[in-house]
Amino acid sequence: MRSCPGQLVVHRDGTVAYCTEERSGRACAGEDHPHRGGFFACRVMRGEDCEYCSLTPVTAGTTIPA
């Protein structure tokens, strides 16, 4: 099974916020794969204002408004 070198950030309600690899511009193996960096528990629920999750990661195909 593939693993990811990053750290998975998870909200208090169990929803995945992001992987640190994605924020660094690298690919993540997927949230269902082991993360060698472990997990970080973000202490907010989905939809609340979160200092860690408020930035939207840019992915391939994302259009940035001018």
PDB file of N, CA and C in Angstrom:
ATOM      1  N   MET A   1       0.840  -1.174   0.000  1.00  0.00           N
ATOM      2  CA  MET A   1       0.000   0.000   0.000  1.00  0.00           C
ATOM      3  C   MET A   1       0.888   1.241   0.000  1.00  0.00           C
ATOM      4  N   ARG A   2       0.491   2.202  -0.834  1.00  0.00           N
ATOM      5  CA  ARG A   2       1.234   3.463  -0.878  1.00  0.00           C
ATOM      6  C   ARG A   2       0.992   4.265   0.382  1.00  0.00           C
ATOM      7  N   SER A   3       1.956   5.081   0.724  1.00  0.00           N
ATOM      8  CA  SER A   3       1.781   5.987   1.851  1.00  0.00           C
ATOM      9  C   SER A   3       2.158   7.394   1.398  1.00  0.00           C
ATOM     10  N   CYS A   4       1.821   8.365   2.218  1.00  0.00           N
ATOM     11  CA  CYS A   4       2.098   9.764   1.926  1.00  0.00           C
ATOM     12  C   CYS A   4       3.097  10.272   2.962  1.00  0.00           C
ATOM     13  N   PRO A   5       4.100  11.041   2.554  1.00  0.00           N
ATOM     14  CA  PRO A   5       5.066  11.569   3.521  1.00  0.00           C
ATOM     15  C   PRO A   5       4.512  12.734   4.339  1.00  0.00           C
ATOM     16  N   GLY A   6       3.358  13.246   3.964  1.00  0.00           N
ATOM     17  CA  GLY A   6       2.799  14.424   4.614  1.00  0.00           C
ATOM     18  C   GLY A   6       2.033  14.143   5.897  1.00  0.00           C
ATOM     19  N   GLN A   7       1.425  15.203   6.402  1.00  0.00           N
ATOM     20  CA  GLN A   7       0.606  15.146   7.609  1.00  0.00           C
ATOM     21  C   GLN A   7      -0.829  15.472   7.209  1.00  0.00           C
ATOM     22  N   LEU A   8      -1.772  14.669   7.684  1.00  0.00           N
ATOM     23  CA  LEU A   8      -3.177  14.871   7.368  1.00  0.00           C
ATOM     24  C   LEU A   8      -3.816  15.724   8.451  1.00  0.00           C
ATOM     25  N   VAL A   9      -4.439  16.824   8.046  1.00  0.00           N
ATOM     26  CA  VAL A   9      -5.105  17.721   8.990  1.00  0.00           C
ATOM     27  C   VAL A   9      -6.593  17.393   8.964  1.00  0.00           C
ATOM     28  N   VAL A  10      -7.129  17.072  10.143  1.00  0.00           N
ATOM     29  CA  VAL A  10      -8.509  16.610  10.263  1.00  0.00           C
ATOM     30  C   VAL A  10      -9.277  17.523  11.215  1.00  0.00           C
ATOM     31  N   HIS A  11     -10.511  17.921  10.808  1.00  0.00           N
ATOM     32  CA  HIS A  11     -11.359  18.730  11.680  1.00  0.00           C
ATOM     33  C   HIS A  11     -11.864  17.898  12.860  1.00  0.00           C
ATOM     34  N   ARG A  12     -12.319  18.583  13.863  1.00  0.00           N
ATOM     35  CA  ARG A  12     -12.840  17.950  15.072  1.00  0.00           C
ATOM     36  C   ARG A  12     -13.989  16.989  14.769  1.00  0.00           C
ATOM     37  N   ASP A  13     -14.771  17.261  13.722  1.00  0.00           N
ATOM     38  CA  ASP A  13     -15.896  16.386  13.390  1.00  0.00           C
ATOM     39  C   ASP A  13     -15.489  15.197  12.524  1.00  0.00           C
ATOM     40  N   GLY A  14     -14.187  15.053  12.248  1.00  0.00           N
ATOM     41  CA  GLY A  14     -13.694  13.906  11.495  1.00  0.00           C
ATOM     42  C   GLY A  14     -13.520  14.146  10.012  1.00  0.00           C
ATOM     43  N   THR A  15     -13.959  15.299   9.510  1.00  0.00           N
ATOM     44  CA  THR A  15     -13.777  15.592   8.096  1.00  0.00           C
ATOM     45  C   THR A  15     -12.335  16.000   7.836  1.00  0.00           C
ATOM     46  N   VAL A  16     -11.815  15.614   6.683  1.00  0.00           N
ATOM     47  CA  VAL A  16     -10.432  15.936   6.330  1.00  0.00           C
ATOM     48  C   VAL A  16     -10.363  17.361   5.803  1.00  0.00           C
ATOM     49  N   ALA A  17      -9.433  18.128   6.349  1.00  0.00           N
ATOM     50  CA  ALA A  17      -9.236  19.503   5.903  1.00  0.00           C
ATOM     51  C   ALA A  17      -8.288  19.538   4.700  1.00  0.00           C
ATOM     52  N   TYR A  18      -7.090  19.004   4.876  1.00  0.00           N
ATOM     53  CA  TYR A  18      -6.105  18.964   3.800  1.00  0.00           C
ATOM     54  C   TYR A  18      -4.920  18.115   4.222  1.00  0.00           C
ATOM     55  N   CYS A  19      -4.043  17.848   3.271  1.00  0.00           N
ATOM     56  CA  CYS A  19      -2.768  17.181   3.534  1.00  0.00           C
ATOM     57  C   CYS A  19      -1.672  18.215   3.303  1.00  0.00           C
ATOM     58  N   THR A  20      -0.655  18.207   4.136  1.00  0.00           N
ATOM     59  CA  THR A  20       0.424  19.186   3.998  1.00  0.00           C
ATOM     60  C   THR A  20       1.165  19.041   2.676  1.00  0.00           C
ATOM     61  N   GLU A  21       1.158  17.858   2.095  1.00  0.00           N
ATOM     62  CA  GLU A  21       1.811  17.670   0.796  1.00  0.00           C
ATOM     63  C   GLU A  21       1.104  18.491  -0.277  1.00  0.00           C
ATOM     64  N   GLU A  22      -0.228  18.513  -0.234  1.00  0.00           N
ATOM     65  CA  GLU A  22      -0.985  19.286  -1.212  1.00  0.00           C
ATOM     66  C   GLU A  22      -0.698  20.773  -1.069  1.00  0.00           C
ATOM     67  N   ARG A  23      -0.557  21.251   0.158  1.00  0.00           N
ATOM     68  CA  ARG A  23      -0.248  22.667   0.396  1.00  0.00           C
ATOM     69  C   ARG A  23       1.148  23.022  -0.098  1.00  0.00           C
ATOM     70  N   SER A  24       2.024  22.002  -0.194  1.00  0.00           N
ATOM     71  CA  SER A  24       3.389  22.237  -0.668  1.00  0.00           C
ATOM     72  C   SER A  24       3.521  22.045  -2.171  1.00  0.00           C
ATOM     73  N   GLY A  25       2.397  21.765  -2.843  1.00  0.00           N
ATOM     74  CA  GLY A  25       2.429  21.596  -4.291  1.00  0.00           C
ATOM     75  C   GLY A  25       2.801  20.199  -4.738  1.00  0.00           C
ATOM     76  N   ARG A  26       2.812  19.262  -3.802  1.00  0.00           N
ATOM     77  CA  ARG A  26       3.127  17.880  -4.155  1.00  0.00           C
ATOM     78  C   ARG A  26       1.854  17.040  -4.070  1.00  0.00           C
ATOM     79  N   ALA A  27       1.902  15.855  -4.626  1.00  0.00           N
ATOM     80  CA  ALA A  27       0.726  14.979  -4.630  1.00  0.00           C
ATOM     81  C   ALA A  27       0.627  14.186  -3.333  1.00  0.00           C
ATOM     82  N   CYS A  28      -0.606  13.995  -2.879  1.00  0.00           N
ATOM     83  CA  CYS A  28      -0.897  13.167  -1.710  1.00  0.00           C
ATOM     84  C   CYS A  28      -1.366  11.815  -2.225  1.00  0.00           C
ATOM     85  N   ALA A  29      -1.011  10.746  -1.543  1.00  0.00           N
ATOM     86  CA  ALA A  29      -1.432   9.402  -1.952  1.00  0.00           C
ATOM     87  C   ALA A  29      -2.934   9.205  -1.766  1.00  0.00           C
ATOM     88  N   GLY A  30      -3.570  10.054  -0.969  1.00  0.00           N
ATOM     89  CA  GLY A  30      -5.004   9.954  -0.719  1.00  0.00           C
ATOM     90  C   GLY A  30      -5.277   9.885   0.764  1.00  0.00           C
ATOM     91  N   GLU A  31      -6.405  10.463   1.185  1.00  0.00           N
ATOM     92  CA  GLU A  31      -6.697  10.531   2.611  1.00  0.00           C
ATOM     93  C   GLU A  31      -6.908   9.167   3.241  1.00  0.00           C
ATOM     94  N   ASP A  32      -7.193   8.157   2.434  1.00  0.00           N
ATOM     95  CA  ASP A  32      -7.397   6.817   2.970  1.00  0.00           C
ATOM     96  C   ASP A  32      -6.107   6.009   3.066  1.00  0.00           C
ATOM     97  N   HIS A  33      -4.982   6.623   2.706  1.00  0.00           N
ATOM     98  CA  HIS A  33      -3.671   5.968   2.806  1.00  0.00           C
ATOM     99  C   HIS A  33      -2.951   6.435   4.067  1.00  0.00           C
ATOM    100  N   PRO A  34      -2.005   5.635   4.568  1.00  0.00           N
ATOM    101  CA  PRO A  34      -1.228   6.054   5.743  1.00  0.00           C
ATOM    102  C   PRO A  34      -0.437   7.332   5.458  1.00  0.00           C
ATOM    103  N   HIS A  35      -0.369   8.215   6.435  1.00  0.00           N
ATOM    104  CA  HIS A  35       0.410   9.438   6.348  1.00  0.00           C
ATOM    105  C   HIS A  35       1.565   9.344   7.335  1.00  0.00           C
ATOM    106  N   ARG A  36       2.799   9.365   6.806  1.00  0.00           N
ATOM    107  CA  ARG A  36       3.985   9.194   7.659  1.00  0.00           C
ATOM    108  C   ARG A  36       4.167  10.373   8.607  1.00  0.00           C
ATOM    109  N   GLY A  37       3.608  11.526   8.271  1.00  0.00           N
ATOM    110  CA  GLY A  37       3.681  12.693   9.145  1.00  0.00           C
ATOM    111  C   GLY A  37       2.644  12.651  10.246  1.00  0.00           C
ATOM    112  N   GLY A  38       1.755  11.661  10.195  1.00  0.00           N
ATOM    113  CA  GLY A  38       0.727  11.520  11.221  1.00  0.00           C
ATOM    114  C   GLY A  38      -0.480  12.392  10.935  1.00  0.00           C
ATOM    115  N   PHE A  39      -1.190  12.716  11.992  1.00  0.00           N
ATOM    116  CA  PHE A  39      -2.416  13.498  11.891  1.00  0.00           C
ATOM    117  C   PHE A  39      -2.301  14.730  12.774  1.00  0.00           C
ATOM    118  N   PHE A  40      -2.981  15.778  12.351  1.00  0.00           N
ATOM    119  CA  PHE A  40      -3.073  16.985  13.150  1.00  0.00           C
ATOM    120  C   PHE A  40      -4.557  17.269  13.316  1.00  0.00           C
ATOM    121  N   ALA A  41      -5.009  17.428  14.532  1.00  0.00           N
ATOM    122  CA  ALA A  41      -6.420  17.668  14.797  1.00  0.00           C
ATOM    123  C   ALA A  41      -6.700  19.158  14.813  1.00  0.00           C
ATOM    124  N   CYS A  42      -7.391  19.628  13.791  1.00  0.00           N
ATOM    125  CA  CYS A  42      -7.853  20.999  13.739  1.00  0.00           C
ATOM    126  C   CYS A  42      -9.061  21.070  14.664  1.00  0.00           C
ATOM    127  N   ARG A  43      -9.170  22.047  15.509  1.00  0.00           N
ATOM    128  CA  ARG A  43     -10.175  22.055  16.562  1.00  0.00           C
ATOM    129  C   ARG A  43     -11.494  22.731  16.202  1.00  0.00           C
ATOM    130  N   VAL A  44     -11.773  22.882  14.924  1.00  0.00           N
ATOM    131  CA  VAL A  44     -13.051  23.475  14.523  1.00  0.00           C
ATOM    132  C   VAL A  44     -13.879  22.462  13.738  1.00  0.00           C
ATOM    133  N   MET A  45     -15.146  22.773  13.587  1.00  0.00           N
ATOM    134  CA  MET A  45     -16.039  21.950  12.788  1.00  0.00           C
ATOM    135  C   MET A  45     -16.048  22.490  11.368  1.00  0.00           C
ATOM    136  N   ARG A  46     -16.430  21.656  10.407  1.00  0.00           N
ATOM    137  CA  ARG A  46     -16.523  22.096   9.025  1.00  0.00           C
ATOM    138  C   ARG A  46     -17.474  23.295   8.957  1.00  0.00           C
ATOM    139  N   GLY A  47     -17.098  24.299   8.190  1.00  0.00           N
ATOM    140  CA  GLY A  47     -17.942  25.475   8.033  1.00  0.00           C
ATOM    141  C   GLY A  47     -17.591  26.611   8.981  1.00  0.00           C
ATOM    142  N   GLU A  48     -16.904  26.327  10.089  1.00  0.00           N
ATOM    143  CA  GLU A  48     -16.480  27.389  10.990  1.00  0.00           C
ATOM    144  C   GLU A  48     -15.226  28.040  10.427  1.00  0.00           C
ATOM    145  N   ASP A  49     -14.907  29.222  10.904  1.00  0.00           N
ATOM    146  CA  ASP A  49     -13.706  29.902  10.473  1.00  0.00           C
ATOM    147  C   ASP A  49     -12.500  29.191  11.074  1.00  0.00           C
ATOM    148  N   CYS A  50     -11.598  28.748  10.241  1.00  0.00           N
ATOM    149  CA  CYS A  50     -10.445  27.966  10.690  1.00  0.00           C
ATOM    150  C   CYS A  50      -9.152  28.597  10.182  1.00  0.00           C
ATOM    151  N   GLU A  51      -8.261  28.947  11.084  1.00  0.00           N
ATOM    152  CA  GLU A  51      -7.003  29.575  10.674  1.00  0.00           C
ATOM    153  C   GLU A  51      -6.130  28.651   9.839  1.00  0.00           C
ATOM    154  N   TYR A  52      -6.262  27.334  10.020  1.00  0.00           N
ATOM    155  CA  TYR A  52      -5.470  26.378   9.258  1.00  0.00           C
ATOM    156  C   TYR A  52      -6.090  26.058   7.907  1.00  0.00           C
ATOM    157  N   CYS A  53      -7.409  26.139   7.829  1.00  0.00           N
ATOM    158  CA  CYS A  53      -8.122  25.649   6.658  1.00  0.00           C
ATOM    159  C   CYS A  53      -8.755  26.748   5.826  1.00  0.00           C
ATOM    160  N   SER A  54      -8.621  27.997   6.203  1.00  0.00           N
ATOM    161  CA  SER A  54      -9.320  29.077   5.515  1.00  0.00           C
ATOM    162  C   SER A  54      -8.771  29.316   4.110  1.00  0.00           C
ATOM    163  N   LEU A  55      -7.521  28.966   3.857  1.00  0.00           N
ATOM    164  CA  LEU A  55      -6.959  29.123   2.523  1.00  0.00           C
ATOM    165  C   LEU A  55      -7.349  27.927   1.670  1.00  0.00           C
ATOM    166  N   THR A  56      -7.835  28.190   0.475  1.00  0.00           N
ATOM    167  CA  THR A  56      -8.212  27.119  -0.440  1.00  0.00           C
ATOM    168  C   THR A  56      -6.979  26.678  -1.206  1.00  0.00           C
ATOM    169  N   PRO A  57      -6.623  25.391  -1.140  1.00  0.00           N
ATOM    170  CA  PRO A  57      -5.467  24.938  -1.894  1.00  0.00           C
ATOM    171  C   PRO A  57      -5.716  25.050  -3.390  1.00  0.00           C
ATOM    172  N   VAL A  58      -4.690  25.399  -4.144  1.00  0.00           N
ATOM    173  CA  VAL A  58      -4.788  25.500  -5.592  1.00  0.00           C
ATOM    174  C   VAL A  58      -4.408  24.155  -6.166  1.00  0.00           C
ATOM    175  N   THR A  59      -5.266  23.615  -7.005  1.00  0.00           N
ATOM    176  CA  THR A  59      -4.989  22.336  -7.644  1.00  0.00           C
ATOM    177  C   THR A  59      -4.973  22.515  -9.153  1.00  0.00           C
ATOM    178  N   ALA A  60      -4.504  21.510  -9.856  1.00  0.00           N
ATOM    179  CA  ALA A  60      -4.462  21.561 -11.323  1.00  0.00           C
ATOM    180  C   ALA A  60      -5.861  21.805 -11.846  1.00  0.00           C
ATOM    181  N   GLY A  61      -6.007  22.735 -12.744  1.00  0.00           N
ATOM    182  CA  GLY A  61      -7.305  23.029 -13.327  1.00  0.00           C
ATOM    183  C   GLY A  61      -8.058  24.128 -12.609  1.00  0.00           C
ATOM    184  N   THR A  62      -7.514  24.636 -11.497  1.00  0.00           N
ATOM    185  CA  THR A  62      -8.181  25.705 -10.760  1.00  0.00           C
ATOM    186  C   THR A  62      -7.990  27.022 -11.497  1.00  0.00           C
ATOM    187  N   THR A  63      -9.054  27.759 -11.689  1.00  0.00           N
ATOM    188  CA  THR A  63      -8.980  29.065 -12.340  1.00  0.00           C
ATOM    189  C   THR A  63      -8.939  30.138 -11.252  1.00  0.00           C
ATOM    190  N   ILE A  64      -7.923  30.960 -11.314  1.00  0.00           N
ATOM    191  CA  ILE A  64      -7.768  32.048 -10.342  1.00  0.00           C
ATOM    192  C   ILE A  64      -8.313  33.316 -10.970  1.00  0.00           C
ATOM    193  N   PRO A  65      -9.334  33.928 -10.330  1.00  0.00           N
ATOM    194  CA  PRO A  65      -9.914  35.154 -10.905  1.00  0.00           C
ATOM    195  C   PRO A  65      -8.908  36.289 -10.961  1.00  0.00           C
ATOM    196  N   ALA A  66      -9.040  37.121 -11.996  1.00  0.00           N
ATOM    197  CA  ALA A  66      -8.116  38.247 -12.172  1.00  0.00           C
ATOM    198  C   ALA A  66      -8.496  39.404 -11.304  1.00  0.00           C
TER     199      ALA A  66
END
